[in-house]
Amino acid sequence: MEAIQALTTRRSCRSFKQEQIKDEELKTILDCGLNAPSGKNKQSSKIVVVQKQEEIKELSKLNAIIFGKDVDPFYGAPTVCFIFVPKDESNGVKDGSLVIGAMQTGAYALNIGSCWINRCKEMFELPEGKKYLEKWHLEDYEGVGCCILGYIEKALPEKVILENRVIKG
């Protein structure tokens, strides 16, 4: 798939097959994220990949607590990536956001569904979340977003009409 097509047709996926994505596909998606531009080319973002279903369920519960709803915010995705940036990085949230966007476009180009899930920063501020940061040696980092990945189970939403969103000055 060419870059322009991927950027203009990608849609978020919230319905996944339970089959795990292939390691080489995951590596390509991670490479897309890790090669995203960053302020001053610091490349300070870190990605934690979780594919163990037990751990995903625990982390999903943390996200649901912040969400305030008894649901699975990760939509049953078999792979969940957490994007972190140093707490003291002035461009951190912007840099981490570019990582997620690049991962989503790369995933779509491979016909893999993705969705940005919010509340990453808040879930790792909870006592249970801080334990994960310690486990991953990321105590000086904060969450930017979660990127869920998996093979698409249902058709993705249609393209949204984009008229009247660009104003020429």
N, C-alpha and C. Protein backbone atom coordinates (compact mmCIF):
# COMPACT_ATOMS: atom_id res chain seq x y z
N MET A 1 0.86 -1.17 0.00
CA MET A 1 0.00 0.00 0.00
C MET A 1 0.90 1.24 0.00
N GLU A 2 0.58 2.19 -0.84
CA GLU A 2 1.39 3.40 -0.89
C GLU A 2 1.08 4.31 0.30
N ALA A 3 2.02 5.19 0.62
CA ALA A 3 1.92 6.03 1.82
C ALA A 3 0.68 6.92 1.81
N ILE A 4 0.40 7.58 0.70
CA ILE A 4 -0.74 8.50 0.65
C ILE A 4 -2.04 7.74 0.88
N GLN A 5 -2.16 6.58 0.27
CA GLN A 5 -3.38 5.78 0.46
C GLN A 5 -3.53 5.37 1.93
N ALA A 6 -2.45 4.94 2.55
CA ALA A 6 -2.51 4.53 3.96
C ALA A 6 -2.91 5.71 4.85
N LEU A 7 -2.34 6.88 4.59
CA LEU A 7 -2.63 8.04 5.42
C LEU A 7 -4.05 8.56 5.23
N THR A 8 -4.62 8.40 4.05
CA THR A 8 -5.96 8.94 3.79
C THR A 8 -7.09 7.94 3.99
N THR A 9 -6.79 6.67 4.15
CA THR A 9 -7.86 5.68 4.29
C THR A 9 -7.83 4.91 5.62
N ARG A 10 -6.80 5.11 6.44
CA ARG A 10 -6.70 4.38 7.70
C ARG A 10 -7.86 4.75 8.62
N ARG A 11 -8.42 3.77 9.28
CA ARG A 11 -9.50 3.97 10.25
C ARG A 11 -9.18 3.16 11.49
N SER A 12 -9.69 3.58 12.62
CA SER A 12 -9.48 2.85 13.86
C SER A 12 -10.30 1.56 13.86
N CYS A 13 -9.73 0.54 14.49
CA CYS A 13 -10.36 -0.78 14.56
C CYS A 13 -10.70 -1.08 16.02
N ARG A 14 -11.91 -1.58 16.24
CA ARG A 14 -12.33 -1.95 17.59
C ARG A 14 -12.91 -3.36 17.64
N SER A 15 -12.56 -4.16 16.65
CA SER A 15 -13.03 -5.55 16.61
C SER A 15 -11.92 -6.41 16.03
N PHE A 16 -11.34 -7.26 16.87
CA PHE A 16 -10.14 -8.01 16.50
C PHE A 16 -10.34 -9.51 16.56
N LYS A 17 -9.67 -10.20 15.66
CA LYS A 17 -9.56 -11.65 15.76
C LYS A 17 -8.63 -11.96 16.93
N GLN A 18 -8.78 -13.11 17.53
CA GLN A 18 -7.94 -13.47 18.67
C GLN A 18 -6.57 -14.02 18.26
N GLU A 19 -6.36 -14.20 16.98
CA GLU A 19 -5.07 -14.65 16.47
C GLU A 19 -4.02 -13.57 16.69
N GLN A 20 -2.87 -13.95 17.24
CA GLN A 20 -1.78 -13.00 17.50
C GLN A 20 -1.12 -12.58 16.19
N ILE A 21 -0.75 -11.31 16.08
CA ILE A 21 -0.04 -10.86 14.88
C ILE A 21 1.35 -11.49 14.86
N LYS A 22 1.87 -11.61 13.67
CA LYS A 22 3.19 -12.25 13.50
C LYS A 22 4.30 -11.33 14.02
N ASP A 23 5.36 -11.95 14.52
CA ASP A 23 6.50 -11.19 15.07
C ASP A 23 7.09 -10.23 14.06
N GLU A 24 7.21 -10.65 12.80
CA GLU A 24 7.81 -9.76 11.79
C GLU A 24 6.90 -8.57 11.49
N GLU A 25 5.58 -8.77 11.58
CA GLU A 25 4.64 -7.65 11.40
C GLU A 25 4.77 -6.67 12.58
N LEU A 26 4.83 -7.22 13.78
CA LEU A 26 5.00 -6.37 14.96
C LEU A 26 6.29 -5.57 14.87
N LYS A 27 7.37 -6.22 14.46
CA LYS A 27 8.65 -5.53 14.33
C LYS A 27 8.55 -4.37 13.34
N THR A 28 7.88 -4.58 12.22
CA THR A 28 7.71 -3.53 11.23
C THR A 28 6.92 -2.36 11.80
N ILE A 29 5.84 -2.66 12.52
CA ILE A 29 5.01 -1.61 13.13
C ILE A 29 5.82 -0.82 14.16
N LEU A 30 6.59 -1.53 14.98
CA LEU A 30 7.42 -0.87 15.99
C LEU A 30 8.49 0.00 15.32
N ASP A 31 9.08 -0.51 14.23
CA ASP A 31 10.08 0.27 13.49
C ASP A 31 9.46 1.56 12.96
N CYS A 32 8.21 1.49 12.49
CA CYS A 32 7.52 2.70 12.02
C CYS A 32 7.43 3.71 13.16
N GLY A 33 7.02 3.25 14.33
CA GLY A 33 6.90 4.15 15.47
C GLY A 33 8.23 4.71 15.93
N LEU A 34 9.22 3.84 16.02
CA LEU A 34 10.52 4.27 16.53
C LEU A 34 11.26 5.20 15.57
N ASN A 35 10.83 5.22 14.31
CA ASN A 35 11.44 6.11 13.32
C ASN A 35 10.61 7.37 13.09
N ALA A 36 9.59 7.58 13.90
CA ALA A 36 8.78 8.80 13.78
C ALA A 36 9.66 10.00 14.14
N PRO A 37 9.34 11.15 13.58
CA PRO A 37 10.11 12.34 13.94
C PRO A 37 9.93 12.69 15.40
N SER A 38 10.93 13.39 15.95
CA SER A 38 10.83 13.85 17.34
C SER A 38 11.55 15.18 17.47
N GLY A 39 11.12 15.96 18.45
CA GLY A 39 11.74 17.27 18.69
C GLY A 39 13.23 17.12 18.95
N LYS A 40 14.02 17.91 18.24
CA LYS A 40 15.48 17.91 18.35
C LYS A 40 16.07 16.52 18.06
N ASN A 41 15.29 15.68 17.39
CA ASN A 41 15.70 14.31 17.04
C ASN A 41 16.19 13.52 18.27
N LYS A 42 15.56 13.75 19.41
CA LYS A 42 15.97 13.07 20.65
C LYS A 42 15.59 11.60 20.66
N GLN A 43 14.52 11.24 19.97
CA GLN A 43 14.06 9.85 19.91
C GLN A 43 14.00 9.23 21.32
N SER A 44 13.34 9.92 22.23
CA SER A 44 13.32 9.49 23.63
C SER A 44 12.12 8.63 24.02
N SER A 45 11.21 8.38 23.08
CA SER A 45 10.04 7.55 23.39
C SER A 45 10.44 6.10 23.60
N LYS A 46 9.69 5.43 24.46
CA LYS A 46 9.86 3.99 24.69
C LYS A 46 8.52 3.33 24.46
N ILE A 47 8.56 2.11 23.92
CA ILE A 47 7.35 1.34 23.66
C ILE A 47 7.44 0.05 24.45
N VAL A 48 6.40 -0.23 25.23
CA VAL A 48 6.29 -1.51 25.93
C VAL A 48 5.20 -2.30 25.22
N VAL A 49 5.55 -3.51 24.78
CA VAL A 49 4.61 -4.38 24.07
C VAL A 49 4.15 -5.47 25.03
N VAL A 50 2.83 -5.62 25.16
CA VAL A 50 2.26 -6.66 26.01
C VAL A 50 1.40 -7.57 25.13
N GLN A 51 1.70 -8.86 25.16
CA GLN A 51 0.93 -9.83 24.40
C GLN A 51 0.39 -10.97 25.28
N LYS A 52 0.79 -11.01 26.54
CA LYS A 52 0.26 -12.01 27.46
C LYS A 52 -1.14 -11.58 27.87
N GLN A 53 -2.12 -12.43 27.57
CA GLN A 53 -3.52 -12.05 27.79
C GLN A 53 -3.84 -11.75 29.25
N GLU A 54 -3.23 -12.46 30.17
CA GLU A 54 -3.45 -12.19 31.60
C GLU A 54 -3.02 -10.78 31.96
N GLU A 55 -1.86 -10.39 31.47
CA GLU A 55 -1.34 -9.05 31.74
C GLU A 55 -2.18 -7.97 31.04
N ILE A 56 -2.62 -8.25 29.82
CA ILE A 56 -3.48 -7.29 29.11
C ILE A 56 -4.77 -7.08 29.90
N LYS A 57 -5.34 -8.14 30.44
CA LYS A 57 -6.58 -8.01 31.22
C LYS A 57 -6.36 -7.15 32.46
N GLU A 58 -5.23 -7.33 33.15
CA GLU A 58 -4.93 -6.51 34.33
C GLU A 58 -4.79 -5.04 33.95
N LEU A 59 -4.07 -4.78 32.87
CA LEU A 59 -3.86 -3.40 32.42
C LEU A 59 -5.17 -2.79 31.90
N SER A 60 -5.99 -3.60 31.26
CA SER A 60 -7.29 -3.13 30.79
C SER A 60 -8.15 -2.67 31.97
N LYS A 61 -8.08 -3.40 33.07
CA LYS A 61 -8.85 -3.01 34.27
C LYS A 61 -8.39 -1.66 34.81
N LEU A 62 -7.07 -1.41 34.76
CA LEU A 62 -6.57 -0.11 35.21
C LEU A 62 -7.11 1.02 34.32
N ASN A 63 -7.10 0.78 33.02
CA ASN A 63 -7.60 1.78 32.09
C ASN A 63 -9.10 2.00 32.32
N ALA A 64 -9.83 0.91 32.57
CA ALA A 64 -11.27 1.01 32.80
C ALA A 64 -11.59 1.79 34.07
N ILE A 65 -10.73 1.68 35.08
CA ILE A 65 -10.92 2.45 36.31
C ILE A 65 -10.89 3.94 35.99
N ILE A 66 -9.89 4.35 35.22
CA ILE A 66 -9.77 5.77 34.83
C ILE A 66 -10.94 6.17 33.94
N PHE A 67 -11.34 5.27 33.04
CA PHE A 67 -12.45 5.51 32.12
C PHE A 67 -13.76 5.64 32.88
N GLY A 68 -13.85 4.98 34.03
CA GLY A 68 -15.07 5.04 34.83
C GLY A 68 -16.18 4.14 34.31
N LYS A 69 -15.79 3.12 33.53
CA LYS A 69 -16.78 2.18 32.97
C LYS A 69 -16.26 0.76 33.12
N ASP A 70 -17.18 -0.16 33.32
CA ASP A 70 -16.83 -1.57 33.45
C ASP A 70 -16.84 -2.22 32.06
N VAL A 71 -15.81 -1.89 31.27
CA VAL A 71 -15.68 -2.39 29.90
C VAL A 71 -14.21 -2.75 29.66
N ASP A 72 -13.93 -3.36 28.52
CA ASP A 72 -12.55 -3.61 28.11
C ASP A 72 -12.14 -2.48 27.16
N PRO A 73 -11.41 -1.49 27.65
CA PRO A 73 -11.01 -0.39 26.78
C PRO A 73 -10.07 -0.81 25.65
N PHE A 74 -9.51 -2.04 25.73
CA PHE A 74 -8.61 -2.52 24.69
C PHE A 74 -9.33 -3.40 23.67
N TYR A 75 -10.63 -3.51 23.78
CA TYR A 75 -11.48 -4.18 22.79
C TYR A 75 -11.03 -5.60 22.44
N GLY A 76 -10.41 -6.28 23.38
CA GLY A 76 -9.98 -7.66 23.12
C GLY A 76 -8.81 -7.80 22.17
N ALA A 77 -8.09 -6.72 21.94
CA ALA A 77 -6.92 -6.77 21.03
C ALA A 77 -5.87 -7.71 21.61
N PRO A 78 -5.25 -8.53 20.76
CA PRO A 78 -4.23 -9.47 21.25
C PRO A 78 -2.88 -8.84 21.56
N THR A 79 -2.64 -7.62 21.08
CA THR A 79 -1.39 -6.91 21.36
C THR A 79 -1.72 -5.49 21.80
N VAL A 80 -1.11 -5.08 22.91
CA VAL A 80 -1.29 -3.72 23.40
C VAL A 80 0.10 -3.11 23.59
N CYS A 81 0.31 -1.95 22.97
CA CYS A 81 1.58 -1.23 23.10
C CYS A 81 1.33 0.04 23.92
N PHE A 82 2.23 0.29 24.85
CA PHE A 82 2.16 1.48 25.69
C PHE A 82 3.33 2.38 25.32
N ILE A 83 3.04 3.63 25.02
CA ILE A 83 4.08 4.55 24.59
C ILE A 83 4.36 5.51 25.75
N PHE A 84 5.64 5.56 26.13
CA PHE A 84 6.10 6.37 27.25
C PHE A 84 7.15 7.37 26.79
N VAL A 85 7.21 8.49 27.49
CA VAL A 85 8.24 9.51 27.25
C VAL A 85 8.78 9.96 28.60
N PRO A 86 10.02 10.47 28.64
CA PRO A 86 10.56 10.97 29.90
C PRO A 86 9.67 12.07 30.48
N LYS A 87 9.47 12.05 31.78
CA LYS A 87 8.63 13.05 32.43
C LYS A 87 9.12 14.47 32.20
N ASP A 88 10.42 14.65 32.08
CA ASP A 88 10.98 16.00 31.95
C ASP A 88 11.21 16.42 30.50
N GLU A 89 10.72 15.65 29.55
CA GLU A 89 10.92 15.96 28.13
C GLU A 89 9.88 16.99 27.68
N SER A 90 10.34 18.17 27.26
CA SER A 90 9.41 19.25 26.91
C SER A 90 8.53 18.91 25.71
N ASN A 91 9.03 18.14 24.77
CA ASN A 91 8.25 17.75 23.59
C ASN A 91 7.69 16.33 23.71
N GLY A 92 7.73 15.75 24.90
CA GLY A 92 7.40 14.35 25.08
C GLY A 92 6.05 13.92 24.54
N VAL A 93 5.00 14.61 24.91
CA VAL A 93 3.66 14.21 24.47
C VAL A 93 3.54 14.30 22.95
N LYS A 94 4.13 15.33 22.38
CA LYS A 94 4.09 15.48 20.92
C LYS A 94 4.87 14.35 20.25
N ASP A 95 6.06 14.08 20.78
CA ASP A 95 6.89 13.01 20.21
C ASP A 95 6.21 11.65 20.32
N GLY A 96 5.66 11.36 21.50
CA GLY A 96 4.97 10.08 21.70
C GLY A 96 3.74 9.95 20.80
N SER A 97 3.06 11.07 20.58
CA SER A 97 1.90 11.07 19.69
C SER A 97 2.29 10.72 18.26
N LEU A 98 3.42 11.26 17.81
CA LEU A 98 3.91 10.92 16.47
C LEU A 98 4.25 9.44 16.37
N VAL A 99 4.80 8.87 17.45
CA VAL A 99 5.11 7.43 17.47
C VAL A 99 3.84 6.63 17.24
N ILE A 100 2.79 6.97 17.97
CA ILE A 100 1.53 6.22 17.84
C ILE A 100 0.95 6.37 16.44
N GLY A 101 0.94 7.58 15.93
CA GLY A 101 0.41 7.80 14.58
C GLY A 101 1.16 7.00 13.53
N ALA A 102 2.48 6.97 13.64
CA ALA A 102 3.29 6.21 12.69
C ALA A 102 3.02 4.71 12.84
N MET A 103 2.86 4.24 14.07
CA MET A 103 2.55 2.82 14.29
C MET A 103 1.21 2.46 13.66
N GLN A 104 0.21 3.33 13.83
CA GLN A 104 -1.11 3.06 13.27
C GLN A 104 -1.08 3.02 11.75
N THR A 105 -0.36 3.94 11.13
CA THR A 105 -0.28 3.94 9.68
C THR A 105 0.47 2.71 9.18
N GLY A 106 1.56 2.36 9.86
CA GLY A 106 2.31 1.15 9.49
C GLY A 106 1.46 -0.11 9.64
N ALA A 107 0.70 -0.18 10.71
CA ALA A 107 -0.17 -1.34 10.93
C ALA A 107 -1.20 -1.44 9.80
N TYR A 108 -1.82 -0.32 9.46
CA TYR A 108 -2.83 -0.33 8.41
C TYR A 108 -2.24 -0.78 7.07
N ALA A 109 -1.03 -0.33 6.78
CA ALA A 109 -0.38 -0.73 5.52
C ALA A 109 -0.16 -2.25 5.47
N LEU A 110 -0.10 -2.89 6.64
CA LEU A 110 0.06 -4.35 6.72
C LEU A 110 -1.28 -5.07 6.89
N ASN A 111 -2.38 -4.32 6.77
CA ASN A 111 -3.73 -4.85 6.95
C ASN A 111 -3.96 -5.34 8.39
N ILE A 112 -3.37 -4.63 9.34
CA ILE A 112 -3.54 -4.91 10.75
C ILE A 112 -4.30 -3.74 11.37
N GLY A 113 -5.31 -4.06 12.16
CA GLY A 113 -6.11 -3.03 12.79
C GLY A 113 -5.39 -2.42 13.99
N SER A 114 -5.72 -1.15 14.25
CA SER A 114 -5.14 -0.46 15.40
C SER A 114 -6.13 0.58 15.91
N CYS A 115 -5.90 0.99 17.15
CA CYS A 115 -6.70 2.08 17.71
C CYS A 115 -5.89 2.72 18.83
N TRP A 116 -5.91 4.03 18.87
CA TRP A 116 -5.28 4.79 19.95
C TRP A 116 -6.25 4.75 21.13
N ILE A 117 -5.77 4.34 22.28
CA ILE A 117 -6.58 4.32 23.49
C ILE A 117 -5.99 5.33 24.47
N ASN A 118 -6.83 6.20 24.98
CA ASN A 118 -6.40 7.24 25.91
C ASN A 118 -6.22 6.70 27.33
N ARG A 119 -5.92 7.58 28.25
CA ARG A 119 -5.81 7.33 29.68
C ARG A 119 -4.53 6.60 30.08
N CYS A 120 -3.54 6.56 29.21
CA CYS A 120 -2.28 5.88 29.51
C CYS A 120 -1.53 6.57 30.64
N LYS A 121 -1.45 7.88 30.59
CA LYS A 121 -0.75 8.63 31.64
C LYS A 121 -1.40 8.36 32.99
N GLU A 122 -2.71 8.46 33.06
CA GLU A 122 -3.43 8.32 34.32
C GLU A 122 -3.36 6.90 34.87
N MET A 123 -3.40 5.90 34.01
CA MET A 123 -3.40 4.52 34.51
C MET A 123 -2.07 4.16 35.16
N PHE A 124 -0.99 4.77 34.68
CA PHE A 124 0.32 4.47 35.26
C PHE A 124 0.67 5.42 36.42
N GLU A 125 -0.26 6.28 36.76
CA GLU A 125 -0.13 7.08 37.98
C GLU A 125 -0.81 6.39 39.16
N LEU A 126 -1.65 5.39 38.88
CA LEU A 126 -2.29 4.59 39.93
C LEU A 126 -1.22 3.73 40.62
N PRO A 127 -1.41 3.38 41.89
CA PRO A 127 -0.42 2.53 42.58
C PRO A 127 -0.12 1.23 41.81
N GLU A 128 -1.15 0.59 41.26
CA GLU A 128 -0.95 -0.65 40.49
C GLU A 128 -0.17 -0.37 39.21
N GLY A 129 -0.42 0.78 38.59
CA GLY A 129 0.30 1.17 37.38
C GLY A 129 1.76 1.47 37.65
N LYS A 130 2.03 2.09 38.80
CA LYS A 130 3.41 2.40 39.17
C LYS A 130 4.23 1.12 39.33
N LYS A 131 3.58 0.04 39.75
CA LYS A 131 4.29 -1.25 39.87
C LYS A 131 4.76 -1.73 38.50
N TYR A 132 3.95 -1.50 37.49
CA TYR A 132 4.36 -1.86 36.14
C TYR A 132 5.54 -1.01 35.68
N LEU A 133 5.50 0.29 35.98
CA LEU A 133 6.62 1.16 35.61
C LEU A 133 7.90 0.69 36.28
N GLU A 134 7.81 0.27 37.52
CA GLU A 134 9.00 -0.27 38.21
C GLU A 134 9.47 -1.55 37.53
N LYS A 135 8.55 -2.43 37.22
CA LYS A 135 8.88 -3.69 36.55
C LYS A 135 9.59 -3.45 35.22
N TRP A 136 9.14 -2.43 34.50
CA TRP A 136 9.71 -2.12 33.19
C TRP A 136 10.88 -1.13 33.28
N HIS A 137 11.24 -0.72 34.48
CA HIS A 137 12.33 0.26 34.71
C HIS A 137 12.05 1.59 34.01
N LEU A 138 10.82 2.05 34.14
CA LEU A 138 10.40 3.30 33.51
C LEU A 138 9.83 4.28 34.53
N GLU A 139 10.38 4.30 35.73
CA GLU A 139 9.87 5.15 36.80
C GLU A 139 9.92 6.64 36.46
N ASP A 140 10.85 7.04 35.60
CA ASP A 140 10.98 8.45 35.24
C ASP A 140 10.25 8.80 33.93
N TYR A 141 9.34 7.92 33.53
CA TYR A 141 8.59 8.11 32.29
C TYR A 141 7.10 8.26 32.60
N GLU A 142 6.39 8.87 31.65
CA GLU A 142 4.94 8.97 31.76
C GLU A 142 4.30 8.45 30.48
N GLY A 143 3.08 7.96 30.62
CA GLY A 143 2.37 7.41 29.48
C GLY A 143 1.82 8.50 28.58
N VAL A 144 1.87 8.23 27.28
CA VAL A 144 1.29 9.13 26.28
C VAL A 144 0.00 8.52 25.74
N GLY A 145 0.06 7.27 25.36
CA GLY A 145 -1.11 6.60 24.81
C GLY A 145 -0.87 5.12 24.67
N CYS A 146 -1.97 4.41 24.46
CA CYS A 146 -1.93 2.96 24.23
C CYS A 146 -2.30 2.74 22.76
N CYS A 147 -1.60 1.84 22.11
CA CYS A 147 -1.90 1.51 20.72
C CYS A 147 -2.22 0.02 20.67
N ILE A 148 -3.49 -0.29 20.43
CA ILE A 148 -3.89 -1.69 20.36
C ILE A 148 -3.77 -2.18 18.92
N LEU A 149 -3.38 -3.46 18.78
CA LEU A 149 -3.11 -4.02 17.46
C LEU A 149 -3.70 -5.42 17.34
N GLY A 150 -4.14 -5.76 16.15
CA GLY A 150 -4.61 -7.11 15.87
C GLY A 150 -5.19 -7.21 14.48
N TYR A 151 -5.43 -8.45 14.08
CA TYR A 151 -6.05 -8.67 12.78
C TYR A 151 -7.51 -8.21 12.83
N ILE A 152 -7.94 -7.56 11.78
CA ILE A 152 -9.27 -6.96 11.71
C ILE A 152 -10.34 -8.04 11.59
N GLU A 153 -11.36 -7.97 12.47
CA GLU A 153 -12.44 -8.95 12.43
C GLU A 153 -13.63 -8.45 11.62
N LYS A 154 -13.99 -7.20 11.77
CA LYS A 154 -15.14 -6.62 11.06
C LYS A 154 -14.66 -5.47 10.19
N ALA A 155 -15.45 -5.14 9.19
CA ALA A 155 -15.09 -4.04 8.29
C ALA A 155 -14.88 -2.75 9.07
N LEU A 156 -13.90 -1.98 8.65
CA LEU A 156 -13.61 -0.70 9.30
C LEU A 156 -14.64 0.35 8.87
N PRO A 157 -14.81 1.39 9.67
CA PRO A 157 -15.77 2.45 9.31
C PRO A 157 -15.43 3.10 7.97
N GLU A 158 -16.44 3.64 7.34
CA GLU A 158 -16.26 4.33 6.06
C GLU A 158 -15.51 5.65 6.28
N LYS A 159 -14.97 6.17 5.19
CA LYS A 159 -14.26 7.44 5.22
C LYS A 159 -15.21 8.56 5.64
N VAL A 160 -14.70 9.46 6.46
CA VAL A 160 -15.47 10.61 6.93
C VAL A 160 -15.32 11.74 5.92
N ILE A 161 -16.40 12.47 5.70
CA ILE A 161 -16.35 13.62 4.81
C ILE A 161 -15.50 14.70 5.47
N LEU A 162 -14.53 15.24 4.74
CA LEU A 162 -13.57 16.17 5.31
C LEU A 162 -13.79 17.62 4.87
N GLU A 163 -14.89 17.89 4.20
CA GLU A 163 -15.14 19.26 3.71
C GLU A 163 -15.23 20.23 4.89
N ASN A 164 -14.89 21.46 4.63
CA ASN A 164 -14.98 22.56 5.57
C ASN A 164 -14.08 22.41 6.80
N ARG A 165 -13.05 21.59 6.71
CA ARG A 165 -12.12 21.46 7.84
C ARG A 165 -10.81 22.17 7.57
N VAL A 166 -10.64 22.65 6.36
CA VAL A 166 -9.43 23.40 6.01
C VAL A 166 -9.86 24.81 5.64
N ILE A 167 -9.23 25.77 6.28
CA ILE A 167 -9.54 27.17 6.02
C ILE A 167 -8.29 27.81 5.39
N LYS A 168 -8.47 28.36 4.22
CA LYS A 168 -7.37 29.04 3.56
C LYS A 168 -7.37 30.49 3.99
N GLY A 169 -6.23 30.94 4.49
CA GLY A 169 -6.14 32.31 5.03
C GLY A 169 -5.74 33.32 4.02
